[in-house]
Amino acid sequence: QLQLVESGGGLVQPGGSLRLSCAASGFTLDDYTIGWFRQAPGKEREGISCISSSGGSTYYTDSVKGRFTISRDNAKNTVYMQMNSLEPEDTGVYYCAAGRPLFVQTMCNTRRYVNYWGKGTLVTVSS
């Protein structure tokens, strides 16, 4: 069964950190661009960060630049997102996705070219 499984979400205070993981089963991630998307309550799902299959190209939405870092370990078939200096506005369900866009920014900005979605992990930033 082909699937992506997110983990690492939870409740954290403002200014805190979390590391999210996205693990694949049934297929290898190294052929895919991987993206992290966030859906806040009452809002549309938005692309937060995407990384190319080699890891050589990354994209971050403006609101997380300098705070979030996406990385991948193809040997472990896993992609990570380190989230620092978390803010209440970062609250939401975080989904990872695998796709094959020509450019990583395209998948993040449009959600096009996504072949697989995970079921999400909840991040709550609150004091």
PDB file of N, CA and C in Angstrom:
ATOM      1  N   GLN A   1       0.842  -1.186   0.000  1.00  0.00           N
ATOM      2  CA  GLN A   1       0.000   0.000   0.000  1.00  0.00           C
ATOM      3  C   GLN A   1       0.885   1.247   0.000  1.00  0.00           C
ATOM      4  N   LEU A   2       0.613   2.143  -0.936  1.00  0.00           N
ATOM      5  CA  LEU A   2       1.403   3.357  -1.046  1.00  0.00           C
ATOM      6  C   LEU A   2       0.851   4.402  -0.088  1.00  0.00           C
ATOM      7  N   GLN A   3       1.701   4.908   0.805  1.00  0.00           N
ATOM      8  CA  GLN A   3       1.210   5.931   1.700  1.00  0.00           C
ATOM      9  C   GLN A   3       2.335   6.784   2.266  1.00  0.00           C
ATOM     10  N   LEU A   4       1.942   7.990   2.677  1.00  0.00           N
ATOM     11  CA  LEU A   4       2.810   8.910   3.399  1.00  0.00           C
ATOM     12  C   LEU A   4       2.255   9.063   4.801  1.00  0.00           C
ATOM     13  N   VAL A   5       3.126   9.034   5.777  1.00  0.00           N
ATOM     14  CA  VAL A   5       2.699   9.144   7.172  1.00  0.00           C
ATOM     15  C   VAL A   5       3.478  10.264   7.841  1.00  0.00           C
ATOM     16  N   GLU A   6       2.746  11.265   8.330  1.00  0.00           N
ATOM     17  CA  GLU A   6       3.357  12.368   9.045  1.00  0.00           C
ATOM     18  C   GLU A   6       3.395  12.074  10.543  1.00  0.00           C
ATOM     19  N   SER A   7       4.388  12.622  11.203  1.00  0.00           N
ATOM     20  CA  SER A   7       4.488  12.513  12.656  1.00  0.00           C
ATOM     21  C   SER A   7       5.239  13.726  13.186  1.00  0.00           C
ATOM     22  N   GLY A   8       5.153  13.915  14.505  1.00  0.00           N
ATOM     23  CA  GLY A   8       5.912  14.984  15.139  1.00  0.00           C
ATOM     24  C   GLY A   8       5.093  16.185  15.559  1.00  0.00           C
ATOM     25  N   GLY A   9       3.825  16.199  15.227  1.00  0.00           N
ATOM     26  CA  GLY A   9       2.987  17.313  15.646  1.00  0.00           C
ATOM     27  C   GLY A   9       2.704  17.270  17.136  1.00  0.00           C
ATOM     28  N   GLY A  10       2.088  18.346  17.626  1.00  0.00           N
ATOM     29  CA  GLY A  10       1.752  18.408  19.039  1.00  0.00           C
ATOM     30  C   GLY A  10       1.460  19.820  19.476  1.00  0.00           C
ATOM     31  N   LEU A  11       1.385  19.994  20.784  1.00  0.00           N
ATOM     32  CA  LEU A  11       1.138  21.304  21.381  1.00  0.00           C
ATOM     33  C   LEU A  11       2.467  21.905  21.824  1.00  0.00           C
ATOM     34  N   VAL A  12       2.705  23.139  21.432  1.00  0.00           N
ATOM     35  CA  VAL A  12       3.950  23.802  21.784  1.00  0.00           C
ATOM     36  C   VAL A  12       3.653  25.263  22.094  1.00  0.00           C
ATOM     37  N   GLN A  13       4.437  25.841  22.981  1.00  0.00           N
ATOM     38  CA  GLN A  13       4.254  27.243  23.325  1.00  0.00           C
ATOM     39  C   GLN A  13       4.857  28.149  22.247  1.00  0.00           C
ATOM     40  N   PRO A  14       4.376  29.349  22.121  1.00  0.00           N
ATOM     41  CA  PRO A  14       4.996  30.295  21.181  1.00  0.00           C
ATOM     42  C   PRO A  14       6.488  30.440  21.454  1.00  0.00           C
ATOM     43  N   GLY A  15       7.257  30.448  20.378  1.00  0.00           N
ATOM     44  CA  GLY A  15       8.708  30.492  20.489  1.00  0.00           C
ATOM     45  C   GLY A  15       9.362  29.131  20.530  1.00  0.00           C
ATOM     46  N   GLY A  16       8.564  28.082  20.663  1.00  0.00           N
ATOM     47  CA  GLY A  16       9.093  26.735  20.747  1.00  0.00           C
ATOM     48  C   GLY A  16       9.395  26.130  19.387  1.00  0.00           C
ATOM     49  N   SER A  17       9.801  24.863  19.405  1.00  0.00           N
ATOM     50  CA  SER A  17      10.210  24.166  18.188  1.00  0.00           C
ATOM     51  C   SER A  17       9.556  22.794  18.096  1.00  0.00           C
ATOM     52  N   LEU A  18       9.397  22.348  16.885  1.00  0.00           N
ATOM     53  CA  LEU A  18       8.957  20.984  16.598  1.00  0.00           C
ATOM     54  C   LEU A  18       9.671  20.517  15.340  1.00  0.00           C
ATOM     55  N   ARG A  19       9.834  19.223  15.222  1.00  0.00           N
ATOM     56  CA  ARG A  19      10.334  18.652  13.973  1.00  0.00           C
ATOM     57  C   ARG A  19       9.311  17.653  13.453  1.00  0.00           C
ATOM     58  N   LEU A  20       8.820  17.916  12.273  1.00  0.00           N
ATOM     59  CA  LEU A  20       7.879  17.014  11.617  1.00  0.00           C
ATOM     60  C   LEU A  20       8.628  16.038  10.720  1.00  0.00           C
ATOM     61  N   SER A  21       8.105  14.831  10.632  1.00  0.00           N
ATOM     62  CA  SER A  21       8.662  13.817   9.749  1.00  0.00           C
ATOM     63  C   SER A  21       7.578  13.319   8.800  1.00  0.00           C
ATOM     64  N   CYS A  22       8.009  12.982   7.613  1.00  0.00           N
ATOM     65  CA  CYS A  22       7.115  12.409   6.602  1.00  0.00           C
ATOM     66  C   CYS A  22       7.793  11.155   6.078  1.00  0.00           C
ATOM     67  N   ALA A  23       7.227  10.011   6.399  1.00  0.00           N
ATOM     68  CA  ALA A  23       7.809   8.742   5.985  1.00  0.00           C
ATOM     69  C   ALA A  23       6.933   8.089   4.922  1.00  0.00           C
ATOM     70  N   ALA A  24       7.587   7.486   3.950  1.00  0.00           N
ATOM     71  CA  ALA A  24       6.855   6.823   2.876  1.00  0.00           C
ATOM     72  C   ALA A  24       6.920   5.314   3.038  1.00  0.00           C
ATOM     73  N   SER A  25       5.843   4.672   2.650  1.00  0.00           N
ATOM     74  CA  SER A  25       5.852   3.208   2.583  1.00  0.00           C
ATOM     75  C   SER A  25       5.228   2.786   1.262  1.00  0.00           C
ATOM     76  N   GLY A  26       5.762   1.731   0.703  1.00  0.00           N
ATOM     77  CA  GLY A  26       5.239   1.234  -0.559  1.00  0.00           C
ATOM     78  C   GLY A  26       5.859   1.868  -1.788  1.00  0.00           C
ATOM     79  N   PHE A  27       6.642   2.915  -1.598  1.00  0.00           N
ATOM     80  CA  PHE A  27       7.349   3.535  -2.718  1.00  0.00           C
ATOM     81  C   PHE A  27       8.537   4.317  -2.152  1.00  0.00           C
ATOM     82  N   THR A  28       9.453   4.685  -3.038  1.00  0.00           N
ATOM     83  CA  THR A  28      10.626   5.434  -2.587  1.00  0.00           C
ATOM     84  C   THR A  28      10.444   6.911  -2.898  1.00  0.00           C
ATOM     85  N   LEU A  29      10.854   7.722  -1.938  1.00  0.00           N
ATOM     86  CA  LEU A  29      10.670   9.161  -2.071  1.00  0.00           C
ATOM     87  C   LEU A  29      11.687   9.825  -2.982  1.00  0.00           C
ATOM     88  N   ASP A  30      12.784   9.145  -3.278  1.00  0.00           N
ATOM     89  CA  ASP A  30      13.868   9.853  -3.952  1.00  0.00           C
ATOM     90  C   ASP A  30      13.552  10.210  -5.403  1.00  0.00           C
ATOM     91  N   ASP A  31      12.419   9.750  -5.920  1.00  0.00           N
ATOM     92  CA  ASP A  31      11.992  10.171  -7.254  1.00  0.00           C
ATOM     93  C   ASP A  31      11.040  11.359  -7.220  1.00  0.00           C
ATOM     94  N   TYR A  32      10.714  11.830  -6.025  1.00  0.00           N
ATOM     95  CA  TYR A  32       9.644  12.809  -5.888  1.00  0.00           C
ATOM     96  C   TYR A  32      10.085  14.107  -5.220  1.00  0.00           C
ATOM     97  N   THR A  33       9.489  15.191  -5.660  1.00  0.00           N
ATOM     98  CA  THR A  33       9.493  16.421  -4.877  1.00  0.00           C
ATOM     99  C   THR A  33       8.533  16.217  -3.715  1.00  0.00           C
ATOM    100  N   ILE A  34       8.942  16.670  -2.547  1.00  0.00           N
ATOM    101  CA  ILE A  34       8.106  16.538  -1.352  1.00  0.00           C
ATOM    102  C   ILE A  34       7.760  17.930  -0.836  1.00  0.00           C
ATOM    103  N   GLY A  35       6.517  18.084  -0.474  1.00  0.00           N
ATOM    104  CA  GLY A  35       6.073  19.359   0.047  1.00  0.00           C
ATOM    105  C   GLY A  35       5.372  19.212   1.384  1.00  0.00           C
ATOM    106  N   TRP A  36       5.470  20.270   2.183  1.00  0.00           N
ATOM    107  CA  TRP A  36       4.696  20.380   3.419  1.00  0.00           C
ATOM    108  C   TRP A  36       3.637  21.453   3.205  1.00  0.00           C
ATOM    109  N   PHE A  37       2.407  21.099   3.521  1.00  0.00           N
ATOM    110  CA  PHE A  37       1.277  22.001   3.377  1.00  0.00           C
ATOM    111  C   PHE A  37       0.600  22.156   4.730  1.00  0.00           C
ATOM    112  N   ARG A  38       0.016  23.302   4.939  1.00  0.00           N
ATOM    113  CA  ARG A  38      -0.639  23.578   6.215  1.00  0.00           C
ATOM    114  C   ARG A  38      -2.078  24.029   5.962  1.00  0.00           C
ATOM    115  N   GLN A  39      -2.984  23.503   6.781  1.00  0.00           N
ATOM    116  CA  GLN A  39      -4.369  23.956   6.722  1.00  0.00           C
ATOM    117  C   GLN A  39      -4.785  24.444   8.092  1.00  0.00           C
ATOM    118  N   ALA A  40      -4.911  25.747   8.215  1.00  0.00           N
ATOM    119  CA  ALA A  40      -5.357  26.350   9.466  1.00  0.00           C
ATOM    120  C   ALA A  40      -6.872  26.282   9.539  1.00  0.00           C
ATOM    121  N   PRO A  41      -7.428  26.351  10.740  1.00  0.00           N
ATOM    122  CA  PRO A  41      -8.881  26.292  10.886  1.00  0.00           C
ATOM    123  C   PRO A  41      -9.586  27.348  10.041  1.00  0.00           C
ATOM    124  N   GLY A  42     -10.527  26.903   9.221  1.00  0.00           N
ATOM    125  CA  GLY A  42     -11.302  27.824   8.397  1.00  0.00           C
ATOM    126  C   GLY A  42     -10.587  28.376   7.187  1.00  0.00           C
ATOM    127  N   LYS A  43      -9.393  27.863   6.896  1.00  0.00           N
ATOM    128  CA  LYS A  43      -8.623  28.387   5.768  1.00  0.00           C
ATOM    129  C   LYS A  43      -8.304  27.279   4.772  1.00  0.00           C
ATOM    130  N   GLU A  44      -7.897  27.704   3.589  1.00  0.00           N
ATOM    131  CA  GLU A  44      -7.504  26.732   2.574  1.00  0.00           C
ATOM    132  C   GLU A  44      -6.121  26.167   2.894  1.00  0.00           C
ATOM    133  N   ARG A  45      -5.855  24.994   2.349  1.00  0.00           N
ATOM    134  CA  ARG A  45      -4.548  24.391   2.505  1.00  0.00           C
ATOM    135  C   ARG A  45      -3.534  25.196   1.695  1.00  0.00           C
ATOM    136  N   GLU A  46      -2.401  25.514   2.328  1.00  0.00           N
ATOM    137  CA  GLU A  46      -1.378  26.303   1.667  1.00  0.00           C
ATOM    138  C   GLU A  46      -0.037  25.590   1.705  1.00  0.00           C
ATOM    139  N   GLY A  47       0.747  25.812   0.658  1.00  0.00           N
ATOM    140  CA  GLY A  47       2.081  25.238   0.605  1.00  0.00           C
ATOM    141  C   GLY A  47       3.041  26.013   1.481  1.00  0.00           C
ATOM    142  N   ILE A  48       3.733  25.326   2.355  1.00  0.00           N
ATOM    143  CA  ILE A  48       4.673  25.937   3.279  1.00  0.00           C
ATOM    144  C   ILE A  48       6.095  25.820   2.764  1.00  0.00           C
ATOM    145  N   SER A  49       6.470  24.626   2.367  1.00  0.00           N
ATOM    146  CA  SER A  49       7.823  24.391   1.916  1.00  0.00           C
ATOM    147  C   SER A  49       7.855  23.161   1.029  1.00  0.00           C
ATOM    148  N   CYS A  50       8.718  23.195   0.022  1.00  0.00           N
ATOM    149  CA  CYS A  50       8.885  22.054  -0.872  1.00  0.00           C
ATOM    150  C   CYS A  50      10.369  21.827  -1.143  1.00  0.00           C
ATOM    151  N   ILE A  51      10.723  20.576  -1.400  1.00  0.00           N
ATOM    152  CA  ILE A  51      12.117  20.232  -1.655  1.00  0.00           C
ATOM    153  C   ILE A  51      12.175  19.278  -2.843  1.00  0.00           C
ATOM    154  N   SER A  52      13.141  19.514  -3.708  1.00  0.00           N
ATOM    155  CA  SER A  52      13.265  18.685  -4.905  1.00  0.00           C
ATOM    156  C   SER A  52      13.741  17.280  -4.544  1.00  0.00           C
ATOM    157  N   SER A  53      13.668  16.382  -5.520  1.00  0.00           N
ATOM    158  CA  SER A  53      14.011  14.982  -5.266  1.00  0.00           C
ATOM    159  C   SER A  53      15.462  14.817  -4.806  1.00  0.00           C
ATOM    160  N   SER A  54      16.350  15.646  -5.328  1.00  0.00           N
ATOM    161  CA  SER A  54      17.762  15.561  -4.930  1.00  0.00           C
ATOM    162  C   SER A  54      18.058  16.333  -3.658  1.00  0.00           C
ATOM    163  N   GLY A  55      17.140  17.202  -3.279  1.00  0.00           N
ATOM    164  CA  GLY A  55      17.378  18.093  -2.142  1.00  0.00           C
ATOM    165  C   GLY A  55      18.086  19.368  -2.523  1.00  0.00           C
ATOM    166  N   GLY A  56      18.406  19.518  -3.792  1.00  0.00           N
ATOM    167  CA  GLY A  56      19.179  20.677  -4.223  1.00  0.00           C
ATOM    168  C   GLY A  56      18.385  21.950  -4.395  1.00  0.00           C
ATOM    169  N   SER A  57      17.076  21.834  -4.431  1.00  0.00           N
ATOM    170  CA  SER A  57      16.231  23.013  -4.610  1.00  0.00           C
ATOM    171  C   SER A  57      15.139  23.007  -3.557  1.00  0.00           C
ATOM    172  N   THR A  58      14.970  24.153  -2.907  1.00  0.00           N
ATOM    173  CA  THR A  58      13.935  24.264  -1.884  1.00  0.00           C
ATOM    174  C   THR A  58      13.138  25.542  -2.097  1.00  0.00           C
ATOM    175  N   TYR A  59      11.943  25.528  -1.539  1.00  0.00           N
ATOM    176  CA  TYR A  59      11.079  26.705  -1.592  1.00  0.00           C
ATOM    177  C   TYR A  59      10.428  26.861  -0.219  1.00  0.00           C
ATOM    178  N   TYR A  60      10.303  28.118   0.231  1.00  0.00           N
ATOM    179  CA  TYR A  60       9.601  28.423   1.470  1.00  0.00           C
ATOM    180  C   TYR A  60       8.633  29.572   1.212  1.00  0.00           C
ATOM    181  N   THR A  61       7.458  29.466   1.769  1.00  0.00           N
ATOM    182  CA  THR A  61       6.565  30.608   1.720  1.00  0.00           C
ATOM    183  C   THR A  61       7.107  31.697   2.646  1.00  0.00           C
ATOM    184  N   ASP A  62       6.784  32.950   2.353  1.00  0.00           N
ATOM    185  CA  ASP A  62       7.405  34.066   3.059  1.00  0.00           C
ATOM    186  C   ASP A  62       7.225  33.996   4.573  1.00  0.00           C
ATOM    187  N   SER A  63       6.084  33.525   5.035  1.00  0.00           N
ATOM    188  CA  SER A  63       5.784  33.573   6.464  1.00  0.00           C
ATOM    189  C   SER A  63       6.666  32.643   7.304  1.00  0.00           C
ATOM    190  N   VAL A  64       7.348  31.686   6.668  1.00  0.00           N
ATOM    191  CA  VAL A  64       8.163  30.739   7.446  1.00  0.00           C
ATOM    192  C   VAL A  64       9.654  30.852   7.138  1.00  0.00           C
ATOM    193  N   LYS A  65      10.028  31.718   6.213  1.00  0.00           N
ATOM    194  CA  LYS A  65      11.439  31.866   5.866  1.00  0.00           C
ATOM    195  C   LYS A  65      12.246  32.278   7.087  1.00  0.00           C
ATOM    196  N   GLY A  66      13.366  31.595   7.278  1.00  0.00           N
ATOM    197  CA  GLY A  66      14.227  31.885   8.420  1.00  0.00           C
ATOM    198  C   GLY A  66      13.829  31.157   9.686  1.00  0.00           C
ATOM    199  N   ARG A  67      12.658  30.542   9.694  1.00  0.00           N
ATOM    200  CA  ARG A  67      12.199  29.817  10.879  1.00  0.00           C
ATOM    201  C   ARG A  67      12.077  28.315  10.637  1.00  0.00           C
ATOM    202  N   PHE A  68      11.675  27.930   9.438  1.00  0.00           N
ATOM    203  CA  PHE A  68      11.476  26.521   9.093  1.00  0.00           C
ATOM    204  C   PHE A  68      12.580  26.060   8.153  1.00  0.00           C
ATOM    205  N   THR A  69      12.976  24.792   8.290  1.00  0.00           N
ATOM    206  CA  THR A  69      13.969  24.208   7.398  1.00  0.00           C
ATOM    207  C   THR A  69      13.496  22.840   6.952  1.00  0.00           C
ATOM    208  N   ILE A  70      13.405  22.650   5.648  1.00  0.00           N
ATOM    209  CA  ILE A  70      13.029  21.351   5.099  1.00  0.00           C
ATOM    210  C   ILE A  70      14.288  20.593   4.715  1.00  0.00           C
ATOM    211  N   SER A  71      14.268  19.285   4.936  1.00  0.00           N
ATOM    212  CA  SER A  71      15.410  18.456   4.562  1.00  0.00           C
ATOM    213  C   SER A  71      14.903  17.059   4.250  1.00  0.00           C
ATOM    214  N   ARG A  72      15.758  16.278   3.646  1.00  0.00           N
ATOM    215  CA  ARG A  72      15.351  14.917   3.322  1.00  0.00           C
ATOM    216  C   ARG A  72      16.520  13.963   3.498  1.00  0.00           C
ATOM    217  N   ASP A  73      16.175  12.740   3.864  1.00  0.00           N
ATOM    218  CA  ASP A  73      17.147  11.653   3.974  1.00  0.00           C
ATOM    219  C   ASP A  73      16.597  10.525   3.116  1.00  0.00           C
ATOM    220  N   ASN A  74      17.047  10.474   1.889  1.00  0.00           N
ATOM    221  CA  ASN A  74      16.497   9.473   0.969  1.00  0.00           C
ATOM    222  C   ASN A  74      16.833   8.045   1.395  1.00  0.00           C
ATOM    223  N   ALA A  75      17.937   7.878   2.101  1.00  0.00           N
ATOM    224  CA  ALA A  75      18.290   6.542   2.589  1.00  0.00           C
ATOM    225  C   ALA A  75      17.259   6.041   3.596  1.00  0.00           C
ATOM    226  N   LYS A  76      16.652   6.975   4.327  1.00  0.00           N
ATOM    227  CA  LYS A  76      15.624   6.608   5.306  1.00  0.00           C
ATOM    228  C   LYS A  76      14.213   6.782   4.746  1.00  0.00           C
ATOM    229  N   ASN A  77      14.154   7.217   3.481  1.00  0.00           N
ATOM    230  CA  ASN A  77      12.851   7.403   2.838  1.00  0.00           C
ATOM    231  C   ASN A  77      11.971   8.374   3.629  1.00  0.00           C
ATOM    232  N   THR A  78      12.585   9.421   4.133  1.00  0.00           N
ATOM    233  CA  THR A  78      11.905  10.338   5.044  1.00  0.00           C
ATOM    234  C   THR A  78      12.288  11.788   4.723  1.00  0.00           C
ATOM    235  N   VAL A  79      11.310  12.659   4.862  1.00  0.00           N
ATOM    236  CA  VAL A  79      11.526  14.101   4.729  1.00  0.00           C
ATOM    237  C   VAL A  79      11.163  14.754   6.055  1.00  0.00           C
ATOM    238  N   TYR A  80      11.898  15.781   6.424  1.00  0.00           N
ATOM    239  CA  TYR A  80      11.700  16.443   7.703  1.00  0.00           C
ATOM    240  C   TYR A  80      11.399  17.930   7.489  1.00  0.00           C
ATOM    241  N   MET A  81      10.773  18.506   8.498  1.00  0.00           N
ATOM    242  CA  MET A  81      10.669  19.953   8.547  1.00  0.00           C
ATOM    243  C   MET A  81      10.909  20.403   9.988  1.00  0.00           C
ATOM    244  N   GLN A  82      12.023  21.082  10.173  1.00  0.00           N
ATOM    245  CA  GLN A  82      12.343  21.656  11.471  1.00  0.00           C
ATOM    246  C   GLN A  82      11.652  23.003  11.570  1.00  0.00           C
ATOM    247  N   MET A  83      10.856  23.185  12.612  1.00  0.00           N
ATOM    248  CA  MET A  83      10.099  24.414  12.793  1.00  0.00           C
ATOM    249  C   MET A  83      10.542  25.085  14.091  1.00  0.00           C
ATOM    250  N   ASN A  84      11.136  26.246  13.971  1.00  0.00           N
ATOM    251  CA  ASN A  84      11.605  27.004  15.128  1.00  0.00           C
ATOM    252  C   ASN A  84      10.825  28.304  15.259  1.00  0.00           C
ATOM    253  N   SER A  85      10.939  28.915  16.412  1.00  0.00           N
ATOM    254  CA  SER A  85      10.272  30.205  16.681  1.00  0.00           C
ATOM    255  C   SER A  85       8.798  30.154  16.278  1.00  0.00           C
ATOM    256  N   LEU A  86       8.141  29.115  16.713  1.00  0.00           N
ATOM    257  CA  LEU A  86       6.750  28.919  16.311  1.00  0.00           C
ATOM    258  C   LEU A  86       5.855  30.024  16.857  1.00  0.00           C
ATOM    259  N   GLU A  87       4.866  30.365  16.043  1.00  0.00           N
ATOM    260  CA  GLU A  87       3.912  31.423  16.359  1.00  0.00           C
ATOM    261  C   GLU A  87       2.503  30.840  16.354  1.00  0.00           C
ATOM    262  N   PRO A  88       1.577  31.464  17.077  1.00  0.00           N
ATOM    263  CA  PRO A  88       0.191  30.955  17.048  1.00  0.00           C
ATOM    264  C   PRO A  88      -0.361  30.821  15.629  1.00  0.00           C
ATOM    265  N   GLU A  89       0.092  31.676  14.719  1.00  0.00           N
ATOM    266  CA  GLU A  89      -0.374  31.622  13.322  1.00  0.00           C
ATOM    267  C   GLU A  89       0.109  30.364  12.594  1.00  0.00           C
ATOM    268  N   ASP A  90       1.039  29.638  13.182  1.00  0.00           N
ATOM    269  CA  ASP A  90       1.517  28.389  12.579  1.00  0.00           C
ATOM    270  C   ASP A  90       0.609  27.205  12.909  1.00  0.00           C
ATOM    271  N   THR A  91      -0.388  27.432  13.739  1.00  0.00           N
ATOM    272  CA  THR A  91      -1.308  26.365  14.114  1.00  0.00           C
ATOM    273  C   THR A  91      -2.066  25.836  12.902  1.00  0.00           C
ATOM    274  N   GLY A  92      -2.183  24.522  12.833  1.00  0.00           N
ATOM    275  CA  GLY A  92      -2.932  23.914  11.747  1.00  0.00           C
ATOM    276  C   GLY A  92      -2.576  22.456  11.594  1.00  0.00           C
ATOM    277  N   VAL A  93      -3.214  21.815  10.651  1.00  0.00           N
ATOM    278  CA  VAL A  93      -2.867  20.441  10.296  1.00  0.00           C
ATOM    279  C   VAL A  93      -1.825  20.505   9.181  1.00  0.00           C
ATOM    280  N   TYR A  94      -0.736  19.806   9.395  1.00  0.00           N
ATOM    281  CA  TYR A  94       0.367  19.788   8.434  1.00  0.00           C
ATOM    282  C   TYR A  94       0.330  18.478   7.661  1.00  0.00           C
ATOM    283  N   TYR A  95       0.321  18.621   6.345  1.00  0.00           N
ATOM    284  CA  TYR A  95       0.281  17.478   5.448  1.00  0.00           C
ATOM    285  C   TYR A  95       1.566  17.420   4.633  1.00  0.00           C
ATOM    286  N   CYS A  96       2.065  16.225   4.379  1.00  0.00           N
ATOM    287  CA  CYS A  96       3.124  16.125   3.399  1.00  0.00           C
ATOM    288  C   CYS A  96       2.550  15.536   2.112  1.00  0.00           C
ATOM    289  N   ALA A  97       3.216  15.857   1.030  1.00  0.00           N
ATOM    290  CA  ALA A  97       2.740  15.440  -0.285  1.00  0.00           C
ATOM    291  C   ALA A  97       3.928  15.111  -1.165  1.00  0.00           C
ATOM    292  N   ALA A  98       3.729  14.189  -2.069  1.00  0.00           N
ATOM    293  CA  ALA A  98       4.775  13.784  -3.011  1.00  0.00           C
ATOM    294  C   ALA A  98       4.277  14.002  -4.431  1.00  0.00           C
ATOM    295  N   GLY A  99       5.117  14.596  -5.252  1.00  0.00           N
ATOM    296  CA  GLY A  99       4.721  14.863  -6.618  1.00  0.00           C
ATOM    297  C   GLY A  99       5.913  15.013  -7.530  1.00  0.00           C
ATOM    298  N   ARG A 100       5.627  15.301  -8.783  1.00  0.00           N
ATOM    299  CA  ARG A 100       6.696  15.443  -9.781  1.00  0.00           C
ATOM    300  C   ARG A 100       6.482  16.701 -10.618  1.00  0.00           C
ATOM    301  N   PRO A 101       6.598  17.854  -9.982  1.00  0.00           N
ATOM    302  CA  PRO A 101       6.492  19.092 -10.757  1.00  0.00           C
ATOM    303  C   PRO A 101       7.799  19.400 -11.466  1.00  0.00           C
ATOM    304  N   LEU A 102       7.754  20.293 -12.418  1.00  0.00           N
ATOM    305  CA  LEU A 102       8.993  20.727 -13.066  1.00  0.00           C
ATOM    306  C   LEU A 102       9.794  21.611 -12.104  1.00  0.00           C
ATOM    307  N   PHE A 103       9.098  22.449 -11.356  1.00  0.00           N
ATOM    308  CA  PHE A 103       9.724  23.338 -10.382  1.00  0.00           C
ATOM    309  C   PHE A 103       9.072  23.135  -9.017  1.00  0.00           C
ATOM    310  N   VAL A 104       9.861  23.137  -7.955  1.00  0.00           N
ATOM    311  CA  VAL A 104       9.313  22.877  -6.621  1.00  0.00           C
ATOM    312  C   VAL A 104       8.299  23.939  -6.228  1.00  0.00           C
ATOM    313  N   GLN A 105       8.557  25.187  -6.645  1.00  0.00           N
ATOM    314  CA  GLN A 105       7.652  26.270  -6.266  1.00  0.00           C
ATOM    315  C   GLN A 105       6.260  26.047  -6.852  1.00  0.00           C
ATOM    316  N   THR A 106       6.198  25.451  -8.015  1.00  0.00           N
ATOM    317  CA  THR A 106       4.900  25.211  -8.647  1.00  0.00           C
ATOM    318  C   THR A 106       4.025  24.315  -7.783  1.00  0.00           C
ATOM    319  N   MET A 107       4.588  23.248  -7.264  1.00  0.00           N
ATOM    320  CA  MET A 107       3.795  22.335  -6.438  1.00  0.00           C
ATOM    321  C   MET A 107       3.377  23.015  -5.151  1.00  0.00           C
ATOM    322  N   CYS A 108       4.251  23.785  -4.553  1.00  0.00           N
ATOM    323  CA  CYS A 108       3.914  24.467  -3.314  1.00  0.00           C
ATOM    324  C   CYS A 108       2.841  25.521  -3.517  1.00  0.00           C
ATOM    325  N   ASN A 109       2.924  26.263  -4.596  1.00  0.00           N
ATOM    326  CA  ASN A 109       2.010  27.385  -4.800  1.00  0.00           C
ATOM    327  C   ASN A 109       0.657  26.971  -5.362  1.00  0.00           C
ATOM    328  N   THR A 110       0.613  25.856  -6.081  1.00  0.00           N
ATOM    329  CA  THR A 110      -0.627  25.504  -6.777  1.00  0.00           C
ATOM    330  C   THR A 110      -1.238  24.184  -6.335  1.00  0.00           C
ATOM    331  N   ARG A 111      -0.488  23.372  -5.595  1.00  0.00           N
ATOM    332  CA  ARG A 111      -0.919  22.019  -5.214  1.00  0.00           C
ATOM    333  C   ARG A 111      -1.117  21.111  -6.428  1.00  0.00           C
ATOM    334  N   ARG A 112      -0.655  21.580  -7.572  1.00  0.00           N
ATOM    335  CA  ARG A 112      -0.720  20.711  -8.745  1.00  0.00           C
ATOM    336  C   ARG A 112       0.440  19.727  -8.725  1.00  0.00           C
ATOM    337  N   TYR A 113       0.350  18.691  -9.481  1.00  0.00           N
ATOM    338  CA  TYR A 113       1.391  17.680  -9.657  1.00  0.00           C
ATOM    339  C   TYR A 113       1.579  16.805  -8.425  1.00  0.00           C
ATOM    340  N   VAL A 114       0.662  16.879  -7.455  1.00  0.00           N
ATOM    341  CA  VAL A 114       0.747  16.017  -6.283  1.00  0.00           C
ATOM    342  C   VAL A 114       0.169  14.644  -6.618  1.00  0.00           C
ATOM    343  N   ASN A 115       0.950  13.611  -6.363  1.00  0.00           N
ATOM    344  CA  ASN A 115       0.494  12.237  -6.592  1.00  0.00           C
ATOM    345  C   ASN A 115      -0.009  11.571  -5.308  1.00  0.00           C
ATOM    346  N   TYR A 116       0.585  11.934  -4.178  1.00  0.00           N
ATOM    347  CA  TYR A 116       0.218  11.310  -2.908  1.00  0.00           C
ATOM    348  C   TYR A 116       0.122  12.366  -1.817  1.00  0.00           C
ATOM    349  N   TRP A 117      -0.861  12.193  -0.940  1.00  0.00           N
ATOM    350  CA  TRP A 117      -1.025  13.026   0.242  1.00  0.00           C
ATOM    351  C   TRP A 117      -0.978  12.139   1.483  1.00  0.00           C
ATOM    352  N   GLY A 118      -0.397  12.680   2.553  1.00  0.00           N
ATOM    353  CA  GLY A 118      -0.527  12.043   3.847  1.00  0.00           C
ATOM    354  C   GLY A 118      -1.828  12.480   4.510  1.00  0.00           C
ATOM    355  N   LYS A 119      -2.083  11.937   5.698  1.00  0.00           N
ATOM    356  CA  LYS A 119      -3.331  12.247   6.400  1.00  0.00           C
ATOM    357  C   LYS A 119      -3.201  13.414   7.357  1.00  0.00           C
ATOM    358  N   GLY A 120      -1.977  13.869   7.586  1.00  0.00           N
ATOM    359  CA  GLY A 120      -1.767  15.070   8.357  1.00  0.00           C
ATOM    360  C   GLY A 120      -1.417  14.823   9.813  1.00  0.00           C
ATOM    361  N   THR A 121      -0.759  15.835  10.388  1.00  0.00           N
ATOM    362  CA  THR A 121      -0.449  15.840  11.817  1.00  0.00           C
ATOM    363  C   THR A 121      -0.756  17.240  12.347  1.00  0.00           C
ATOM    364  N   LEU A 122      -1.373  17.313  13.509  1.00  0.00           N
ATOM    365  CA  LEU A 122      -1.835  18.579  14.054  1.00  0.00           C
ATOM    366  C   LEU A 122      -0.734  19.274  14.842  1.00  0.00           C
ATOM    367  N   VAL A 123      -0.531  20.536  14.537  1.00  0.00           N
ATOM    368  CA  VAL A 123       0.388  21.388  15.287  1.00  0.00           C
ATOM    369  C   VAL A 123      -0.431  22.510  15.921  1.00  0.00           C
ATOM    370  N   THR A 124      -0.311  22.645  17.218  1.00  0.00           N
ATOM    371  CA  THR A 124      -1.012  23.710  17.932  1.00  0.00           C
ATOM    372  C   THR A 124       0.016  24.544  18.683  1.00  0.00           C
ATOM    373  N   VAL A 125       0.047  25.825  18.380  1.00  0.00           N
ATOM    374  CA  VAL A 125       0.969  26.743  19.045  1.00  0.00           C
ATOM    375  C   VAL A 125       0.142  27.664  19.938  1.00  0.00           C
ATOM    376  N   SER A 126       0.284  27.460  21.220  1.00  0.00           N
ATOM    377  CA  SER A 126      -0.550  28.196  22.158  1.00  0.00           C
ATOM    378  C   SER A 126       0.105  28.217  23.533  1.00  0.00           C
ATOM    379  N   SER A 127      -0.125  29.297  24.252  1.00  0.00           N
ATOM    380  CA  SER A 127       0.375  29.380  25.621  1.00  0.00           C
ATOM    381  C   SER A 127      -0.696  28.918  26.609  1.00  0.00           C
TER     382      SER A 127
END
